[in-house]
Structures are given as structure tokens and as C-alpha cells.
Amino acid sequence: MQLIAVLIGVSIVVFMMVRLILGDPAQILLGQAATQECVAEVRTQLGLDKDPVTQYALFVCGAVSGDLGDSIIAPRLRDDTGRVLYGVAFFVLVNLAVDVLYAVLDPRVRY
């Protein structure tokens, strides 16, 4: 019973955070130069013209069925993924060098 309450609470928090932090998803998708007619059409396609309770119900139904929607940051994700991988590789190389240096200089380490 507690698990269900936690899942409902987390889903409400996630739903509200996405709506409050990102702003208008239709405007973000289309950019600042989009006309109001285009924004209204995308809002209708995404279901953002419905009341928040209906939007939440659609969000939960989609999440339960595995449909988490389209990402509005997907084009930037490839660039960010590459940066993360370079960062991880750099960290691993620096960490390996420091570990080897520590092993060589520490008199307590035996070979």
C-alpha cells in the first residue's frame, strides 16, 4: 500500500516539475520565432490544451503503457552524450595515472 502511495506521489511531483520548470513545451519545441497559430496547433497535438487533471491522467496512462512521449531535448542529447563520454574517459585516465603513481611512491605497497 505504501508503494502505491509513493508511486502516485512521485508521479504527481514529476508531472508538476515538468510543467513548471520547462515552461510551455510547445513553445520550446517550435522555438521563439514560431507563430501563435503554430504553437496552438502543437499544444492541441500534445494535449496541452486540456485541463491539468486530464493531462495528468494521460501522463499516467502513457507511463503505465510504456509511452513516455517525445523528448524535447533529444537533438541536444547526442552532443551531451559525447561530452559525458569524453569526461568519463578523461576521469578514468587521470584516475589510473594517480593510482599508478601512488602505487610506485607508497613504500607500503609491495610487488
N, C-alpha and C. Protein backbone atom coordinates (compact mmCIF):
# COMPACT_ATOMS: atom_id res chain seq x y z
N MET A 1 0.82 -1.20 0.00
CA MET A 1 0.00 0.00 0.00
C MET A 1 0.87 1.26 0.00
N GLN A 2 1.96 1.21 0.76
CA GLN A 2 2.85 2.37 0.81
C GLN A 2 3.52 2.58 -0.55
N LEU A 3 3.84 1.49 -1.23
CA LEU A 3 4.47 1.60 -2.54
C LEU A 3 3.57 2.33 -3.53
N ILE A 4 2.30 2.03 -3.50
CA ILE A 4 1.37 2.68 -4.41
C ILE A 4 1.27 4.17 -4.09
N ALA A 5 1.23 4.49 -2.81
CA ALA A 5 1.17 5.90 -2.41
C ALA A 5 2.43 6.65 -2.84
N VAL A 6 3.58 6.00 -2.70
CA VAL A 6 4.84 6.63 -3.12
C VAL A 6 4.86 6.82 -4.63
N LEU A 7 4.43 5.80 -5.39
CA LEU A 7 4.40 5.92 -6.85
C LEU A 7 3.47 7.04 -7.31
N ILE A 8 2.32 7.15 -6.67
CA ILE A 8 1.39 8.23 -7.03
C ILE A 8 2.01 9.58 -6.69
N GLY A 9 2.62 9.68 -5.51
CA GLY A 9 3.26 10.93 -5.11
C GLY A 9 4.38 11.33 -6.04
N VAL A 10 5.22 10.37 -6.40
CA VAL A 10 6.34 10.66 -7.31
C VAL A 10 5.82 11.05 -8.69
N SER A 11 4.78 10.38 -9.16
CA SER A 11 4.25 10.72 -10.49
C SER A 11 3.67 12.14 -10.49
N ILE A 12 3.03 12.54 -9.40
CA ILE A 12 2.50 13.90 -9.32
C ILE A 12 3.64 14.91 -9.29
N VAL A 13 4.67 14.63 -8.52
CA VAL A 13 5.81 15.55 -8.44
C VAL A 13 6.50 15.67 -9.80
N VAL A 14 6.73 14.56 -10.49
CA VAL A 14 7.37 14.59 -11.80
C VAL A 14 6.51 15.36 -12.79
N PHE A 15 5.22 15.09 -12.79
CA PHE A 15 4.31 15.78 -13.71
C PHE A 15 4.35 17.28 -13.46
N MET A 16 4.30 17.70 -12.22
CA MET A 16 4.30 19.12 -11.90
C MET A 16 5.66 19.76 -12.21
N MET A 17 6.74 19.06 -11.93
CA MET A 17 8.06 19.61 -12.20
C MET A 17 8.26 19.85 -13.69
N VAL A 18 7.85 18.90 -14.52
CA VAL A 18 7.99 19.06 -15.96
C VAL A 18 7.19 20.27 -16.43
N ARG A 19 6.00 20.43 -15.90
CA ARG A 19 5.15 21.54 -16.32
C ARG A 19 5.68 22.88 -15.80
N LEU A 20 6.23 22.90 -14.60
CA LEU A 20 6.64 24.17 -14.01
C LEU A 20 8.04 24.60 -14.44
N ILE A 21 8.94 23.65 -14.56
CA ILE A 21 10.34 24.00 -14.84
C ILE A 21 10.56 24.31 -16.32
N LEU A 22 10.04 23.47 -17.19
CA LEU A 22 10.32 23.63 -18.61
C LEU A 22 9.55 24.78 -19.25
N GLY A 23 8.42 25.13 -18.70
CA GLY A 23 7.60 26.15 -19.33
C GLY A 23 6.66 25.50 -20.33
N ASP A 24 6.36 26.20 -21.41
CA ASP A 24 5.44 25.69 -22.42
C ASP A 24 6.18 24.76 -23.37
N PRO A 25 5.90 23.44 -23.33
CA PRO A 25 6.62 22.51 -24.21
C PRO A 25 6.43 22.82 -25.70
N ALA A 26 5.25 23.29 -26.08
CA ALA A 26 5.02 23.61 -27.49
C ALA A 26 5.92 24.75 -27.94
N GLN A 27 6.08 25.76 -27.10
CA GLN A 27 6.94 26.89 -27.43
C GLN A 27 8.40 26.45 -27.49
N ILE A 28 8.79 25.55 -26.60
CA ILE A 28 10.17 25.05 -26.59
C ILE A 28 10.45 24.23 -27.86
N LEU A 29 9.49 23.40 -28.26
CA LEU A 29 9.67 22.59 -29.47
C LEU A 29 9.80 23.45 -30.72
N LEU A 30 9.00 24.49 -30.80
CA LEU A 30 8.97 25.30 -32.02
C LEU A 30 9.96 26.44 -32.02
N GLY A 31 10.40 26.86 -30.87
CA GLY A 31 11.33 27.98 -30.79
C GLY A 31 10.60 29.29 -30.60
N GLN A 32 11.36 30.32 -30.35
CA GLN A 32 10.77 31.63 -30.05
C GLN A 32 10.18 32.31 -31.28
N ALA A 33 10.61 31.94 -32.47
CA ALA A 33 10.14 32.60 -33.69
C ALA A 33 8.82 32.04 -34.21
N ALA A 34 8.26 31.03 -33.54
CA ALA A 34 7.04 30.39 -34.01
C ALA A 34 5.83 31.31 -33.84
N THR A 35 4.90 31.18 -34.76
CA THR A 35 3.67 31.98 -34.66
C THR A 35 2.74 31.38 -33.61
N GLN A 36 1.81 32.17 -33.14
CA GLN A 36 0.87 31.70 -32.13
C GLN A 36 -0.03 30.59 -32.67
N GLU A 37 -0.33 30.63 -33.97
CA GLU A 37 -1.16 29.58 -34.57
C GLU A 37 -0.43 28.24 -34.54
N CYS A 38 0.85 28.26 -34.87
CA CYS A 38 1.65 27.02 -34.83
C CYS A 38 1.75 26.48 -33.42
N VAL A 39 1.97 27.37 -32.46
CA VAL A 39 2.08 26.95 -31.07
C VAL A 39 0.76 26.35 -30.61
N ALA A 40 -0.37 26.97 -30.97
CA ALA A 40 -1.68 26.45 -30.59
C ALA A 40 -1.94 25.08 -31.20
N GLU A 41 -1.50 24.88 -32.45
CA GLU A 41 -1.69 23.59 -33.11
C GLU A 41 -0.88 22.49 -32.41
N VAL A 42 0.38 22.80 -32.06
CA VAL A 42 1.22 21.82 -31.37
C VAL A 42 0.67 21.53 -29.97
N ARG A 43 0.18 22.57 -29.30
CA ARG A 43 -0.42 22.37 -27.98
C ARG A 43 -1.61 21.41 -28.07
N THR A 44 -2.40 21.53 -29.14
CA THR A 44 -3.53 20.63 -29.33
C THR A 44 -3.05 19.21 -29.61
N GLN A 45 -2.02 19.07 -30.45
CA GLN A 45 -1.48 17.74 -30.77
C GLN A 45 -0.92 17.05 -29.53
N LEU A 46 -0.29 17.83 -28.65
CA LEU A 46 0.31 17.25 -27.45
C LEU A 46 -0.68 17.09 -26.30
N GLY A 47 -1.87 17.62 -26.48
CA GLY A 47 -2.88 17.53 -25.42
C GLY A 47 -2.70 18.56 -24.33
N LEU A 48 -1.95 19.61 -24.61
CA LEU A 48 -1.70 20.63 -23.60
C LEU A 48 -2.84 21.63 -23.47
N ASP A 49 -3.81 21.53 -24.37
CA ASP A 49 -4.97 22.41 -24.28
C ASP A 49 -6.03 21.87 -23.32
N LYS A 50 -5.82 20.68 -22.81
CA LYS A 50 -6.76 20.07 -21.86
C LYS A 50 -6.45 20.55 -20.44
N ASP A 51 -7.38 20.31 -19.55
CA ASP A 51 -7.16 20.72 -18.16
C ASP A 51 -6.08 19.85 -17.51
N PRO A 52 -5.44 20.33 -16.43
CA PRO A 52 -4.32 19.60 -15.81
C PRO A 52 -4.69 18.20 -15.32
N VAL A 53 -5.90 17.99 -14.87
CA VAL A 53 -6.29 16.65 -14.39
C VAL A 53 -6.31 15.67 -15.56
N THR A 54 -6.85 16.09 -16.68
CA THR A 54 -6.86 15.23 -17.87
C THR A 54 -5.44 14.99 -18.38
N GLN A 55 -4.60 16.02 -18.35
CA GLN A 55 -3.20 15.86 -18.76
C GLN A 55 -2.50 14.85 -17.86
N TYR A 56 -2.75 14.95 -16.55
CA TYR A 56 -2.13 14.01 -15.61
C TYR A 56 -2.61 12.58 -15.88
N ALA A 57 -3.90 12.42 -16.15
CA ALA A 57 -4.44 11.09 -16.44
C ALA A 57 -3.80 10.51 -17.70
N LEU A 58 -3.64 11.34 -18.73
CA LEU A 58 -2.97 10.89 -19.95
C LEU A 58 -1.50 10.55 -19.68
N PHE A 59 -0.85 11.35 -18.84
CA PHE A 59 0.55 11.11 -18.47
C PHE A 59 0.70 9.76 -17.77
N VAL A 60 -0.19 9.48 -16.81
CA VAL A 60 -0.11 8.22 -16.06
C VAL A 60 -0.43 7.04 -16.97
N CYS A 61 -1.46 7.16 -17.79
CA CYS A 61 -1.80 6.06 -18.72
C CYS A 61 -0.65 5.79 -19.69
N GLY A 62 -0.03 6.84 -20.18
CA GLY A 62 1.11 6.66 -21.07
C GLY A 62 2.29 6.03 -20.37
N ALA A 63 2.56 6.47 -19.13
CA ALA A 63 3.69 5.92 -18.39
C ALA A 63 3.46 4.44 -18.07
N VAL A 64 2.25 4.08 -17.72
CA VAL A 64 1.94 2.68 -17.40
C VAL A 64 2.09 1.80 -18.64
N SER A 65 1.70 2.33 -19.80
CA SER A 65 1.80 1.54 -21.03
C SER A 65 3.18 1.62 -21.67
N GLY A 66 4.10 2.40 -21.09
CA GLY A 66 5.45 2.49 -21.61
C GLY A 66 5.67 3.62 -22.59
N ASP A 67 4.64 4.41 -22.87
CA ASP A 67 4.76 5.53 -23.78
C ASP A 67 5.09 6.78 -22.97
N LEU A 68 6.36 7.16 -22.97
CA LEU A 68 6.78 8.31 -22.18
C LEU A 68 6.83 9.59 -23.01
N GLY A 69 6.35 9.52 -24.24
CA GLY A 69 6.26 10.73 -25.07
C GLY A 69 7.55 11.00 -25.82
N ASP A 70 7.58 12.15 -26.46
CA ASP A 70 8.74 12.58 -27.24
C ASP A 70 9.60 13.50 -26.39
N SER A 71 10.89 13.37 -26.56
CA SER A 71 11.81 14.22 -25.81
C SER A 71 11.95 15.56 -26.50
N ILE A 72 11.90 16.63 -25.72
CA ILE A 72 12.10 17.95 -26.31
C ILE A 72 13.56 18.35 -26.27
N ILE A 73 14.42 17.49 -25.69
CA ILE A 73 15.85 17.79 -25.67
C ILE A 73 16.65 16.78 -26.47
N ALA A 74 15.99 15.92 -27.24
CA ALA A 74 16.68 14.86 -27.98
C ALA A 74 17.75 15.36 -28.94
N PRO A 75 17.53 16.47 -29.67
CA PRO A 75 18.60 16.90 -30.57
C PRO A 75 19.89 17.26 -29.83
N ARG A 76 19.79 17.80 -28.63
CA ARG A 76 20.98 18.16 -27.87
C ARG A 76 21.59 16.97 -27.16
N LEU A 77 20.84 15.88 -27.04
CA LEU A 77 21.30 14.74 -26.27
C LEU A 77 22.54 14.10 -26.87
N ARG A 78 22.64 14.05 -28.19
CA ARG A 78 23.82 13.44 -28.83
C ARG A 78 25.08 14.21 -28.47
N ASP A 79 25.02 15.53 -28.50
CA ASP A 79 26.18 16.33 -28.15
C ASP A 79 26.56 16.14 -26.69
N ASP A 80 25.57 16.13 -25.82
CA ASP A 80 25.83 15.96 -24.40
C ASP A 80 26.38 14.57 -24.09
N THR A 81 25.89 13.56 -24.78
CA THR A 81 26.38 12.20 -24.56
C THR A 81 27.86 12.11 -24.91
N GLY A 82 28.26 12.73 -26.01
CA GLY A 82 29.67 12.73 -26.39
C GLY A 82 30.54 13.41 -25.36
N ARG A 83 30.06 14.53 -24.83
CA ARG A 83 30.82 15.24 -23.79
C ARG A 83 30.94 14.41 -22.53
N VAL A 84 29.87 13.73 -22.17
CA VAL A 84 29.92 12.87 -20.98
C VAL A 84 30.91 11.74 -21.17
N LEU A 85 30.89 11.12 -22.34
CA LEU A 85 31.83 10.02 -22.60
C LEU A 85 33.28 10.49 -22.58
N TYR A 86 33.55 11.67 -23.15
CA TYR A 86 34.91 12.22 -23.07
C TYR A 86 35.29 12.52 -21.63
N GLY A 87 34.36 13.02 -20.85
CA GLY A 87 34.63 13.31 -19.44
C GLY A 87 34.94 12.05 -18.66
N VAL A 88 34.17 11.00 -18.91
CA VAL A 88 34.41 9.73 -18.22
C VAL A 88 35.76 9.15 -18.61
N ALA A 89 36.08 9.20 -19.90
CA ALA A 89 37.38 8.69 -20.35
C ALA A 89 38.53 9.47 -19.72
N PHE A 90 38.40 10.79 -19.68
CA PHE A 90 39.42 11.63 -19.05
C PHE A 90 39.56 11.27 -17.58
N PHE A 91 38.44 11.12 -16.88
CA PHE A 91 38.47 10.78 -15.46
C PHE A 91 39.15 9.43 -15.24
N VAL A 92 38.84 8.45 -16.07
CA VAL A 92 39.44 7.12 -15.92
C VAL A 92 40.95 7.19 -16.14
N LEU A 93 41.39 7.92 -17.16
CA LEU A 93 42.82 8.03 -17.42
C LEU A 93 43.56 8.75 -16.29
N VAL A 94 42.99 9.85 -15.81
CA VAL A 94 43.62 10.58 -14.70
C VAL A 94 43.64 9.71 -13.45
N ASN A 95 42.54 9.02 -13.18
CA ASN A 95 42.48 8.16 -12.00
C ASN A 95 43.50 7.03 -12.11
N LEU A 96 43.64 6.44 -13.27
CA LEU A 96 44.61 5.37 -13.47
C LEU A 96 46.03 5.88 -13.25
N ALA A 97 46.33 7.07 -13.78
CA ALA A 97 47.66 7.65 -13.60
C ALA A 97 47.95 7.94 -12.13
N VAL A 98 46.98 8.47 -11.41
CA VAL A 98 47.17 8.77 -9.98
C VAL A 98 47.34 7.48 -9.20
N ASP A 99 46.57 6.45 -9.53
CA ASP A 99 46.70 5.16 -8.83
C ASP A 99 48.08 4.53 -9.06
N VAL A 100 48.57 4.58 -10.27
CA VAL A 100 49.89 4.03 -10.57
C VAL A 100 50.97 4.82 -9.84
N LEU A 101 50.85 6.14 -9.86
CA LEU A 101 51.81 6.99 -9.17
C LEU A 101 51.80 6.71 -7.66
N TYR A 102 50.62 6.54 -7.10
CA TYR A 102 50.51 6.23 -5.68
C TYR A 102 51.15 4.87 -5.38
N ALA A 103 50.91 3.89 -6.23
CA ALA A 103 51.47 2.57 -6.00
C ALA A 103 52.99 2.59 -6.10
N VAL A 104 53.55 3.39 -6.98
CA VAL A 104 55.00 3.47 -7.14
C VAL A 104 55.64 4.21 -5.96
N LEU A 105 55.01 5.28 -5.51
CA LEU A 105 55.63 6.12 -4.48
C LEU A 105 55.33 5.67 -3.05
N ASP A 106 54.34 4.87 -2.83
CA ASP A 106 54.00 4.46 -1.46
C ASP A 106 54.87 3.27 -1.06
N PRO A 107 55.65 3.42 0.01
CA PRO A 107 56.55 2.34 0.41
C PRO A 107 55.81 1.13 0.96
N ARG A 108 54.55 1.29 1.35
CA ARG A 108 53.79 0.17 1.93
C ARG A 108 53.28 -0.79 0.86
N VAL A 109 53.29 -0.37 -0.39
CA VAL A 109 52.80 -1.22 -1.47
C VAL A 109 53.90 -2.18 -1.89
N ARG A 110 53.62 -3.47 -1.85
CA ARG A 110 54.62 -4.49 -2.23
C ARG A 110 54.24 -5.08 -3.59
N TYR A 111 55.24 -5.45 -4.32
CA TYR A 111 55.01 -6.01 -5.64
C TYR A 111 55.10 -7.49 -5.61
